Structure formats: C-alpha cells, structure tokens
Amino acid sequence: MTSVIGLYRRGPAWNGRETVRDHRLMQEHRSFVGSLLTAGALESAGAVQPLDEPLAGDYVELVVGGDVEALRTALEHDPAVVEGVLEVDVMPWHR
C-alpha cells in the first residue's frame, strides 16, 4: 500500500525561542491542517515533538494523504509555509 507523507520542518522564518504551540502562525497552521482533515484531503496528522517545548530538532509535524501532487499543492497554501515559518517535504510512503 502506498500513501503520501508531508513532513513539516522549521523554515527560515522560525523563531527558535518559541514553542510549537506558542509560535505566532501555529494556530493558523493547525486550523489549516484541521480543514484538510475535515475535507478528507488528509488521512492523519500529528506533531512529532512536544508542543510545549522549544524544538529539539528540525521536524515539527507529519501528515498523511493519498496523492503526491494533490498533497504538495494543498500544503503549499499552509499559512505557515507561505510565511516561511515551516517548510514541507512531500513524498511517497510505501507501507
């Protein structure tokens, strides 16, 4: 079975002193991802690090969808990606 993952990582505009939960664009990011889940564009989504601690590594969140190009196109409109706070890599996941 093949799915698609989007792996969010901190972008060039990330302010490393803030937690994931407290960053200025993360509420908009979470709302955006939630809308994709509600619309059925994502199968699953979740943080890969605690939300209440400063990032210990580069990666922030993992999302799972069904089509590489459709997911890439959708995630490029994430407010946090548009502002450079997050970047996202989209790739096939063979599970």
Protein backbone atom coordinates (compact mmCIF):
# COMPACT_ATOMS: atom_id res chain seq x y z
CA MET A 1 0.00 0.00 0.00
CA THR A 2 1.31 3.44 -0.90
CA SER A 3 0.32 6.66 0.80
CA VAL A 4 1.93 10.07 0.79
CA ILE A 5 3.54 11.86 3.71
CA GLY A 6 4.17 15.52 4.22
CA LEU A 7 6.94 16.18 6.69
CA TYR A 8 6.93 19.71 8.08
CA ARG A 9 10.19 21.19 9.32
CA ARG A 10 11.14 24.58 10.64
CA GLY A 11 11.63 27.16 7.92
CA PRO A 12 13.95 30.16 7.65
CA ALA A 13 11.46 32.45 9.43
CA TRP A 14 11.15 30.19 12.51
CA ASN A 15 11.96 31.94 15.78
CA GLY A 16 13.67 29.18 17.75
CA ARG A 17 12.84 30.64 21.14
CA GLU A 18 9.13 29.84 20.90
CA THR A 19 7.39 26.54 21.43
CA VAL A 20 5.42 25.00 18.60
CA ARG A 21 2.16 25.82 20.39
CA ASP A 22 3.11 29.48 21.01
CA HIS A 23 4.53 30.40 17.62
CA ARG A 24 2.55 33.23 16.03
CA LEU A 25 1.40 31.22 12.97
CA MET A 26 0.87 27.80 14.52
CA GLN A 27 -2.81 28.40 15.36
CA GLU A 28 -3.44 29.23 11.70
CA HIS A 29 -1.36 26.20 10.69
CA ARG A 30 -3.36 23.88 12.96
CA SER A 31 -6.64 25.30 11.61
CA PHE A 32 -5.42 24.78 8.04
CA VAL A 33 -4.39 21.17 8.68
CA GLY A 34 -7.68 20.58 10.51
CA SER A 35 -9.62 21.83 7.48
CA LEU A 36 -7.70 19.38 5.24
CA LEU A 37 -8.57 16.54 7.64
CA THR A 38 -12.24 17.55 7.66
CA ALA A 39 -12.31 17.75 3.85
CA GLY A 40 -10.77 14.27 3.57
CA ALA A 41 -7.57 15.53 1.91
CA LEU A 42 -5.53 14.05 4.77
CA GLU A 43 -5.80 10.65 6.42
CA SER A 44 -3.92 11.68 9.54
CA ALA A 45 -1.78 14.43 11.05
CA GLY A 46 0.22 14.92 14.21
CA ALA A 47 3.16 16.55 15.90
CA VAL A 48 6.48 14.72 16.05
CA GLN A 49 7.74 16.77 19.00
CA PRO A 50 6.08 18.04 22.20
CA LEU A 51 4.07 21.20 21.51
CA ASP A 52 5.03 22.91 24.77
CA GLU A 53 8.81 22.70 24.38
CA PRO A 54 11.20 24.57 22.06
CA LEU A 55 12.04 22.45 19.01
CA ALA A 56 14.78 19.93 19.76
CA GLY A 57 15.24 19.13 16.06
CA ASP A 58 14.13 20.38 12.70
CA TYR A 59 10.92 18.39 12.26
CA VAL A 60 7.57 19.59 13.56
CA GLU A 61 4.70 17.55 12.13
CA LEU A 62 3.81 14.63 9.89
CA VAL A 63 0.70 14.48 7.69
CA VAL A 64 -0.54 11.54 5.62
CA GLY A 65 -2.54 11.81 2.39
CA GLY A 66 -3.20 9.89 -0.79
CA ASP A 67 -1.72 11.70 -3.80
CA VAL A 68 1.73 13.32 -4.05
CA GLU A 69 0.84 16.25 -6.29
CA ALA A 70 -2.50 16.95 -4.63
CA LEU A 71 -0.93 16.95 -1.16
CA ARG A 72 2.03 19.09 -2.29
CA THR A 73 -0.32 21.63 -3.87
CA ALA A 74 -2.54 21.76 -0.78
CA LEU A 75 0.31 22.12 1.71
CA GLU A 76 1.92 24.95 -0.26
CA HIS A 77 -1.09 27.05 0.81
CA ASP A 78 -0.50 26.48 4.53
CA PRO A 79 -0.13 29.97 6.10
CA ALA A 80 2.99 28.86 7.99
CA VAL A 81 4.58 27.60 4.75
CA VAL A 82 3.63 30.76 2.85
CA GLU A 83 5.29 32.88 5.57
CA GLY A 84 8.44 30.70 5.68
CA VAL A 85 7.91 29.60 9.29
CA LEU A 86 7.59 26.00 8.13
CA GLU A 87 8.74 24.13 5.04
CA VAL A 88 7.24 20.84 3.93
CA ASP A 89 8.63 17.86 2.06
CA VAL A 90 6.08 15.62 0.33
CA MET A 91 6.99 12.08 -0.70
CA PRO A 92 5.52 8.60 -1.28
CA TRP A 93 5.31 6.33 1.75
CA HIS A 94 5.36 2.62 0.94
CA ARG A 95 3.76 0.86 3.87
